[in-house]
PDB file of N, CA and C in Angstrom:
ATOM      1  N   MET A   1       2.452  24.716  19.617  1.00  0.00           N
ATOM      2  CA  MET A   1       2.075  23.796  19.287  1.00  0.00           C
ATOM      3  C   MET A   1       2.137  22.868  21.274  1.00  0.00           C
ATOM      4  N   ALA A   2       1.472  21.921  21.686  1.00  0.00           N
ATOM      5  CA  ALA A   2       1.976  21.617  22.749  1.00  0.00           C
ATOM      6  C   ALA A   2       2.744  20.458  21.789  1.00  0.00           C
ATOM      7  N   LYS A   3       3.877  19.168  22.369  1.00  0.00           N
ATOM      8  CA  LYS A   3       4.068  18.602  22.320  1.00  0.00           C
ATOM      9  C   LYS A   3       3.714  16.913  23.311  1.00  0.00           C
ATOM     10  N   ILE A   4       3.456  16.003  22.397  1.00  0.00           N
ATOM     11  CA  ILE A   4       2.479  14.338  23.261  1.00  0.00           C
ATOM     12  C   ILE A   4       4.461  14.224  23.174  1.00  0.00           C
ATOM     13  N   PRO A   5       4.408  13.098  23.537  1.00  0.00           N
ATOM     14  CA  PRO A   5       5.671  12.622  23.675  1.00  0.00           C
ATOM     15  C   PRO A   5       4.883  11.109  23.218  1.00  0.00           C
ATOM     16  N   LYS A   6       4.892  10.307  22.258  1.00  0.00           N
ATOM     17  CA  LYS A   6       4.545   8.897  21.730  1.00  0.00           C
ATOM     18  C   LYS A   6       5.368   7.750  21.193  1.00  0.00           C
ATOM     19  N   ASN A   7       4.913   7.302  22.015  1.00  0.00           N
ATOM     20  CA  ASN A   7       6.034   5.696  21.499  1.00  0.00           C
ATOM     21  C   ASN A   7       5.419   5.127  19.957  1.00  0.00           C
ATOM     22  N   LEU A   8       6.020   4.864  18.850  1.00  0.00           N
ATOM     23  CA  LEU A   8       5.535   4.554  17.277  1.00  0.00           C
ATOM     24  C   LEU A   8       6.161   3.499  17.079  1.00  0.00           C
ATOM     25  N   SER A   9       6.057   2.159  16.693  1.00  0.00           N
ATOM     26  CA  SER A   9       6.707   0.605  16.117  1.00  0.00           C
ATOM     27  C   SER A   9       6.906   1.485  14.294  1.00  0.00           C
ATOM     28  N   LEU A  10       7.985   1.134  14.538  1.00  0.00           N
ATOM     29  CA  LEU A  10       8.600   1.393  13.143  1.00  0.00           C
ATOM     30  C   LEU A  10       9.472   0.685  12.267  1.00  0.00           C
ATOM     31  N   ASP A  11       9.560  -0.263  11.397  1.00  0.00           N
ATOM     32  CA  ASP A  11       9.857  -1.471  11.085  1.00  0.00           C
ATOM     33  C   ASP A  11      12.364  -0.437  10.615  1.00  0.00           C
ATOM     34  N   ALA A  12      13.066  -0.232  10.765  1.00  0.00           N
ATOM     35  CA  ALA A  12      14.494  -0.355  10.825  1.00  0.00           C
ATOM     36  C   ALA A  12      14.020   0.019  10.285  1.00  0.00           C
ATOM     37  N   GLU A  13      14.195   0.416   9.064  1.00  0.00           N
ATOM     38  CA  GLU A  13      14.497   0.768   7.645  1.00  0.00           C
ATOM     39  C   GLU A  13      14.054   1.957   7.029  1.00  0.00           C
ATOM     40  N   ASP A  14      13.232   2.241   7.774  1.00  0.00           N
ATOM     41  CA  ASP A  14      11.665   3.221   7.653  1.00  0.00           C
ATOM     42  C   ASP A  14      12.082   4.106   8.401  1.00  0.00           C
ATOM     43  N   ILE A  15      13.411   4.202   9.856  1.00  0.00           N
ATOM     44  CA  ILE A  15      14.002   4.814  10.638  1.00  0.00           C
ATOM     45  C   ILE A  15      15.165   5.419  10.168  1.00  0.00           C
ATOM     46  N   GLU A  16      15.766   4.774   9.348  1.00  0.00           N
ATOM     47  CA  GLU A  16      17.333   5.109   8.332  1.00  0.00           C
ATOM     48  C   GLU A  16      17.033   5.863   7.082  1.00  0.00           C
ATOM     49  N   ILE A  17      16.122   5.499   6.814  1.00  0.00           N
ATOM     50  CA  ILE A  17      15.072   6.154   5.316  1.00  0.00           C
ATOM     51  C   ILE A  17      14.953   8.010   6.218  1.00  0.00           C
ATOM     52  N   GLY A  18      13.884   8.387   7.839  1.00  0.00           N
ATOM     53  CA  GLY A  18      13.675   9.530   7.845  1.00  0.00           C
ATOM     54  C   GLY A  18      14.888   9.781   8.536  1.00  0.00           C
ATOM     55  N   LEU A  19      15.678   8.793   8.432  1.00  0.00           N
ATOM     56  CA  LEU A  19      16.835   9.529   9.701  1.00  0.00           C
ATOM     57  C   LEU A  19      16.954  10.531   8.376  1.00  0.00           C
ATOM     58  N   GLN A  20      18.215   9.330   7.264  1.00  0.00           N
ATOM     59  CA  GLN A  20      18.854  10.265   6.644  1.00  0.00           C
ATOM     60  C   GLN A  20      18.103  11.344   5.884  1.00  0.00           C
ATOM     61  N   TYR A  21      16.948  10.953   5.717  1.00  0.00           N
ATOM     62  CA  TYR A  21      16.200  12.606   5.699  1.00  0.00           C
ATOM     63  C   TYR A  21      16.066  13.445   6.465  1.00  0.00           C
ATOM     64  N   ALA A  22      15.986  13.089   7.625  1.00  0.00           N
ATOM     65  CA  ALA A  22      15.579  14.591   7.962  1.00  0.00           C
ATOM     66  C   ALA A  22      17.693  15.501   8.527  1.00  0.00           C
ATOM     67  N   GLU A  23      18.416  14.023   7.967  1.00  0.00           N
ATOM     68  CA  GLU A  23      19.756  14.692   7.742  1.00  0.00           C
ATOM     69  C   GLU A  23      19.708  15.718   7.109  1.00  0.00           C
ATOM     70  N   ARG A  24      19.767  15.127   5.614  1.00  0.00           N
ATOM     71  CA  ARG A  24      19.430  16.017   4.526  1.00  0.00           C
ATOM     72  C   ARG A  24      18.806  17.462   4.880  1.00  0.00           C
ATOM     73  N   ASN A  25      17.925  17.611   5.178  1.00  0.00           N
ATOM     74  CA  ASN A  25      16.964  18.791   5.461  1.00  0.00           C
ATOM     75  C   ASN A  25      17.635  19.624   6.563  1.00  0.00           C
ATOM     76  N   GLY A  26      18.126  19.174   7.329  1.00  0.00           N
ATOM     77  CA  GLY A  26      18.863  19.731   8.388  1.00  0.00           C
ATOM     78  C   GLY A  26      17.095  19.902   9.430  1.00  0.00           C
ATOM     79  N   VAL A  27      16.674  18.975   9.623  1.00  0.00           N
ATOM     80  CA  VAL A  27      15.565  18.934  10.914  1.00  0.00           C
ATOM     81  C   VAL A  27      15.977  17.206  11.101  1.00  0.00           C
ATOM     82  N   SER A  28      14.938  17.566  12.658  1.00  0.00           N
ATOM     83  CA  SER A  28      15.425  16.115  13.187  1.00  0.00           C
ATOM     84  C   SER A  28      14.344  15.298  12.748  1.00  0.00           C
ATOM     85  N   LEU A  29      13.783  13.739  13.264  1.00  0.00           N
ATOM     86  CA  LEU A  29      13.368  13.011  12.864  1.00  0.00           C
ATOM     87  C   LEU A  29      11.646  13.235  12.885  1.00  0.00           C
ATOM     88  N   SER A  30      12.120  13.646  14.363  1.00  0.00           N
ATOM     89  CA  SER A  30       9.979  13.861  14.778  1.00  0.00           C
ATOM     90  C   SER A  30       9.644  15.245  13.638  1.00  0.00           C
ATOM     91  N   LYS A  31      10.564  16.153  13.688  1.00  0.00           N
ATOM     92  CA  LYS A  31       9.571  16.599  13.155  1.00  0.00           C
ATOM     93  C   LYS A  31       9.424  16.454  10.985  1.00  0.00           C
ATOM     94  N   VAL A  32      10.168  15.448  10.450  1.00  0.00           N
ATOM     95  CA  VAL A  32       9.553  14.490   9.292  1.00  0.00           C
ATOM     96  C   VAL A  32       8.853  14.649   9.328  1.00  0.00           C
ATOM     97  N   VAL A  33       7.798  13.639  10.938  1.00  0.00           N
ATOM     98  CA  VAL A  33       7.495  12.680  11.089  1.00  0.00           C
ATOM     99  C   VAL A  33       6.662  13.481  11.242  1.00  0.00           C
ATOM    100  N   SER A  34       5.865  14.296  11.887  1.00  0.00           N
ATOM    101  CA  SER A  34       5.019  15.639  11.858  1.00  0.00           C
ATOM    102  C   SER A  34       4.438  16.281  10.630  1.00  0.00           C
ATOM    103  N   GLU A  35       5.835  16.310   9.746  1.00  0.00           N
ATOM    104  CA  GLU A  35       5.258  17.347   8.126  1.00  0.00           C
ATOM    105  C   GLU A  35       4.679  16.494   7.784  1.00  0.00           C
ATOM    106  N   PHE A  36       5.202  14.997   7.808  1.00  0.00           N
ATOM    107  CA  PHE A  36       4.590  14.112   6.768  1.00  0.00           C
ATOM    108  C   PHE A  36       2.825  13.717   7.552  1.00  0.00           C
ATOM    109  N   LEU A  37       2.384  14.091   9.157  1.00  0.00           N
ATOM    110  CA  LEU A  37       0.778  13.820   9.750  1.00  0.00           C
ATOM    111  C   LEU A  37       0.122  14.455   9.452  1.00  0.00           C
ATOM    112  N   ARG A  38       0.809  15.605   8.951  1.00  0.00           N
ATOM    113  CA  ARG A  38       0.574  17.141   9.062  1.00  0.00           C
ATOM    114  C   ARG A  38       0.557  17.278   6.818  1.00  0.00           C
ATOM    115  N   SER A  39       0.536  16.885   6.440  1.00  0.00           N
ATOM    116  CA  SER A  39       0.109  16.304   5.133  1.00  0.00           C
ATOM    117  C   SER A  39      -1.179  15.742   4.515  1.00  0.00           C
ATOM    118  N   LEU A  40      -1.744  14.341   5.604  1.00  0.00           N
ATOM    119  CA  LEU A  40      -2.858  13.869   5.579  1.00  0.00           C
ATOM    120  C   LEU A  40      -3.693  14.832   5.055  1.00  0.00           C
ATOM    121  N   PRO A  41      -4.390  14.602   3.728  1.00  0.00           N
ATOM    122  CA  PRO A  41      -6.670  14.801   4.623  1.00  0.00           C
ATOM    123  C   PRO A  41      -6.849  14.743   6.191  1.00  0.00           C
ATOM    124  N   ASN A  42      -6.982  15.173   6.100  1.00  0.00           N
ATOM    125  CA  ASN A  42      -8.209  15.054   7.701  1.00  0.00           C
ATOM    126  C   ASN A  42      -9.339  15.973   6.821  1.00  0.00           C
ATOM    127  N   GLY A  43     -10.525  15.472   6.495  1.00  0.00           N
ATOM    128  CA  GLY A  43     -11.250  15.355   6.360  1.00  0.00           C
ATOM    129  C   GLY A  43     -12.446  17.445   5.602  1.00  0.00           C
ATOM    130  N   GLU A  44     -11.714  18.243   6.192  1.00  0.00           N
ATOM    131  CA  GLU A  44     -12.376  19.397   7.103  1.00  0.00           C
ATOM    132  C   GLU A  44     -12.322  20.339   5.442  1.00  0.00           C
ATOM    133  N   ASP A  45     -11.656  19.591   4.250  1.00  0.00           N
ATOM    134  CA  ASP A  45     -12.553  20.679   3.319  1.00  0.00           C
ATOM    135  C   ASP A  45     -13.211  19.605   2.401  1.00  0.00           C
ATOM    136  N   GLY A  46     -13.178  18.706   2.259  1.00  0.00           N
ATOM    137  CA  GLY A  46     -13.913  17.661   1.834  1.00  0.00           C
ATOM    138  C   GLY A  46     -13.120  16.499   1.157  1.00  0.00           C
ATOM    139  N   ALA A  47     -11.784  16.913   1.020  1.00  0.00           N
ATOM    140  CA  ALA A  47     -11.011  15.598   0.730  1.00  0.00           C
ATOM    141  C   ALA A  47      -9.685  14.417   2.002  1.00  0.00           C
ATOM    142  N   LEU A  48     -10.940  13.524   0.603  1.00  0.00           N
ATOM    143  CA  LEU A  48     -10.527  11.959   1.829  1.00  0.00           C
ATOM    144  C   LEU A  48      -8.985  11.673   1.459  1.00  0.00           C
ATOM    145  N   ALA A  49      -8.617  11.799   0.496  1.00  0.00           N
ATOM    146  CA  ALA A  49      -7.420  11.524  -0.185  1.00  0.00           C
ATOM    147  C   ALA A  49      -6.895  11.864  -0.816  1.00  0.00           C
ATOM    148  N   SER A  50      -5.241  11.509  -1.062  1.00  0.00           N
ATOM    149  CA  SER A  50      -4.735  12.523  -2.071  1.00  0.00           C
ATOM    150  C   SER A  50      -4.842  12.929  -2.876  1.00  0.00           C
ATOM    151  N   PRO A  51      -4.704  14.303  -3.743  1.00  0.00           N
ATOM    152  CA  PRO A  51      -5.355  14.707  -5.234  1.00  0.00           C
ATOM    153  C   PRO A  51      -4.746  13.501  -6.017  1.00  0.00           C
ATOM    154  N   ALA A  52      -3.748  13.292  -5.998  1.00  0.00           N
ATOM    155  CA  ALA A  52      -3.914  12.048  -7.478  1.00  0.00           C
ATOM    156  C   ALA A  52      -5.198  11.278  -6.839  1.00  0.00           C
ATOM    157  N   LEU A  53      -5.625  10.532  -5.786  1.00  0.00           N
ATOM    158  CA  LEU A  53      -6.008   8.904  -5.634  1.00  0.00           C
ATOM    159  C   LEU A  53      -7.602  10.049  -6.077  1.00  0.00           C
ATOM    160  N   GLU A  54      -7.634  11.043  -5.441  1.00  0.00           N
ATOM    161  CA  GLU A  54      -8.722  11.813  -6.623  1.00  0.00           C
ATOM    162  C   GLU A  54      -8.988  12.453  -7.382  1.00  0.00           C
ATOM    163  N   ARG A  55      -8.219  12.522  -8.592  1.00  0.00           N
ATOM    164  CA  ARG A  55      -8.008  12.386  -9.713  1.00  0.00           C
ATOM    165  C   ARG A  55      -8.485  11.215 -10.236  1.00  0.00           C
ATOM    166  N   LEU A  56      -8.272   9.931  -9.713  1.00  0.00           N
ATOM    167  CA  LEU A  56      -8.676   8.683 -10.746  1.00  0.00           C
ATOM    168  C   LEU A  56     -10.269   8.307 -10.113  1.00  0.00           C
ATOM    169  N   ILE A  57     -10.222   8.907  -9.119  1.00  0.00           N
ATOM    170  CA  ILE A  57     -12.212   7.753  -8.261  1.00  0.00           C
ATOM    171  C   ILE A  57     -12.741   8.860  -9.771  1.00  0.00           C
ATOM    172  N   GLY A  58     -12.097  10.795  -9.199  1.00  0.00           N
ATOM    173  CA  GLY A  58     -13.500  10.967 -10.596  1.00  0.00           C
ATOM    174  C   GLY A  58     -13.619  10.853 -11.740  1.00  0.00           C
ATOM    175  N   SER A  59     -11.897  10.193 -12.219  1.00  0.00           N
ATOM    176  CA  SER A  59     -12.043  10.196 -13.813  1.00  0.00           C
ATOM    177  C   SER A  59     -12.898   8.136 -13.496  1.00  0.00           C
ATOM    178  N   ALA A  60     -12.918   7.437 -12.765  1.00  0.00           N
ATOM    179  CA  ALA A  60     -13.470   6.766 -12.541  1.00  0.00           C
ATOM    180  C   ALA A  60     -15.519   6.980 -12.987  1.00  0.00           C
ATOM    181  N   LYS A  61     -14.951   8.294 -12.003  1.00  0.00           N
ATOM    182  CA  LYS A  61     -16.975   8.139 -11.756  1.00  0.00           C
ATOM    183  C   LYS A  61     -17.588   9.192 -12.738  1.00  0.00           C
ATOM    184  N   LYS A  62     -16.809   9.647 -13.809  1.00  0.00           N
ATOM    185  CA  LYS A  62     -17.908  10.020 -15.330  1.00  0.00           C
ATOM    186  C   LYS A  62     -17.587   9.306 -16.317  1.00  0.00           C
ATOM    187  N   SER A  63     -16.476   8.266 -16.476  1.00  0.00           N
ATOM    188  CA  SER A  63     -17.041   6.979 -16.779  1.00  0.00           C
ATOM    189  C   SER A  63     -17.321   5.999 -17.404  1.00  0.00           C
ATOM    190  N   GLY A  64     -17.711   6.502 -15.484  1.00  0.00           N
ATOM    191  CA  GLY A  64     -19.257   5.101 -15.415  1.00  0.00           C
ATOM    192  C   GLY A  64     -19.200   3.733 -14.805  1.00  0.00           C
ATOM    193  N   ALA A  65     -17.748   3.563 -14.870  1.00  0.00           N
ATOM    194  CA  ALA A  65     -17.444   2.744 -14.272  1.00  0.00           C
ATOM    195  C   ALA A  65     -18.113   2.056 -12.480  1.00  0.00           C
ATOM    196  N   ALA A  66     -18.178   3.479 -11.740  1.00  0.00           N
ATOM    197  CA  ALA A  66     -18.969   2.484 -10.478  1.00  0.00           C
ATOM    198  C   ALA A  66     -20.445   2.471 -10.676  1.00  0.00           C
ATOM    199  N   ASP A  67     -21.371   2.252 -11.871  1.00  0.00           N
ATOM    200  CA  ASP A  67     -22.521   2.694 -12.550  1.00  0.00           C
ATOM    201  C   ASP A  67     -22.476   1.282 -12.598  1.00  0.00           C
ATOM    202  N   ASP A  68     -21.539   0.905 -13.477  1.00  0.00           N
ATOM    203  CA  ASP A  68     -21.669  -0.876 -14.259  1.00  0.00           C
ATOM    204  C   ASP A  68     -21.972  -2.102 -12.853  1.00  0.00           C
ATOM    205  N   GLY A  69     -21.732  -1.913 -11.779  1.00  0.00           N
ATOM    206  CA  GLY A  69     -21.149  -2.779 -10.900  1.00  0.00           C
ATOM    207  C   GLY A  69     -22.453  -3.774 -10.120  1.00  0.00           C
ATOM    208  N   PRO A  70     -23.801  -2.986 -10.300  1.00  0.00           N
ATOM    209  CA  PRO A  70     -25.334  -3.895 -10.224  1.00  0.00           C
ATOM    210  C   PRO A  70     -25.593  -4.422 -11.650  1.00  0.00           C
ATOM    211  N   SER A  71     -25.281  -3.787 -13.027  1.00  0.00           N
ATOM    212  CA  SER A  71     -25.891  -4.480 -14.398  1.00  0.00           C
ATOM    213  C   SER A  71     -25.109  -5.662 -13.903  1.00  0.00           C
ATOM    214  N   TYR A  72     -23.676  -5.731 -13.785  1.00  0.00           N
ATOM    215  CA  TYR A  72     -22.238  -6.898 -14.515  1.00  0.00           C
ATOM    216  C   TYR A  72     -23.273  -8.465 -12.673  1.00  0.00           C
ATOM    217  N   HIS A  73     -23.994  -7.788 -12.831  1.00  0.00           N
ATOM    218  CA  HIS A  73     -24.064  -8.248 -11.174  1.00  0.00           C
ATOM    219  C   HIS A  73     -24.920  -9.016 -11.137  1.00  0.00           C
ATOM    220  N   GLU A  74     -25.789  -8.500 -12.024  1.00  0.00           N
ATOM    221  CA  GLU A  74     -26.895  -8.995 -12.662  1.00  0.00           C
ATOM    222  C   GLU A  74     -27.235  -9.670 -13.943  1.00  0.00           C
ATOM    223  N   TYR A  75     -26.229  -9.777 -14.189  1.00  0.00           N
ATOM    224  CA  TYR A  75     -25.576 -10.438 -15.272  1.00  0.00           C
ATOM    225  C   TYR A  75     -24.668 -11.651 -15.138  1.00  0.00           C
ATOM    226  N   LEU A  76     -24.450 -11.927 -14.165  1.00  0.00           N
ATOM    227  CA  LEU A  76     -23.961 -13.218 -13.088  1.00  0.00           C
ATOM    228  C   LEU A  76     -24.792 -13.374 -12.990  1.00  0.00           C
ATOM    229  N   GLU A  77     -25.485 -13.094 -12.294  1.00  0.00           N
ATOM    230  CA  GLU A  77     -26.789 -14.197 -11.628  1.00  0.00           C
ATOM    231  C   GLU A  77     -27.601 -14.607 -12.730  1.00  0.00           C
ATOM    232  N   GLN A  78     -27.943 -14.509 -14.328  1.00  0.00           N
ATOM    233  CA  GLN A  78     -28.543 -14.910 -15.663  1.00  0.00           C
ATOM    234  C   GLN A  78     -27.780 -15.802 -15.590  1.00  0.00           C
ATOM    235  N   LYS A  79     -26.128 -15.526 -16.072  1.00  0.00           N
ATOM    236  CA  LYS A  79     -25.982 -16.544 -17.190  1.00  0.00           C
ATOM    237  C   LYS A  79     -25.787 -18.005 -15.469  1.00  0.00           C
ATOM    238  N   TYR A  80     -25.456 -17.762 -14.064  1.00  0.00           N
ATOM    239  CA  TYR A  80     -25.699 -18.993 -13.632  1.00  0.00           C
ATOM    240  C   TYR A  80     -26.897 -19.296 -12.440  1.00  0.00           C
ATOM    241  N   ARG A  81     -27.127 -19.495 -12.544  1.00  0.00           N
ATOM    242  CA  ARG A  81     -28.573 -19.661 -12.125  1.00  0.00           C
ATOM    243  C   ARG A  81     -29.309 -21.116 -12.952  1.00  0.00           C
TER     244      ARG A  81
END
């Protein structure tokens, strides 16, 4: 795959963390960033969030929490009319 130079603005502390990680693992900082970006969900397989977040979203749907919104708003309307 062709490499494209890209300037990024990062906090100095984040760069230091990345450099330490890269050194421990024998790779470049560019490789660390590239691997991280590849690990992000791209939506092709339907995943829009990390597996942990998908589980949380799924548990909220199962509990009916997503359906409670309109009834709560109706409750507030009745209460404060």
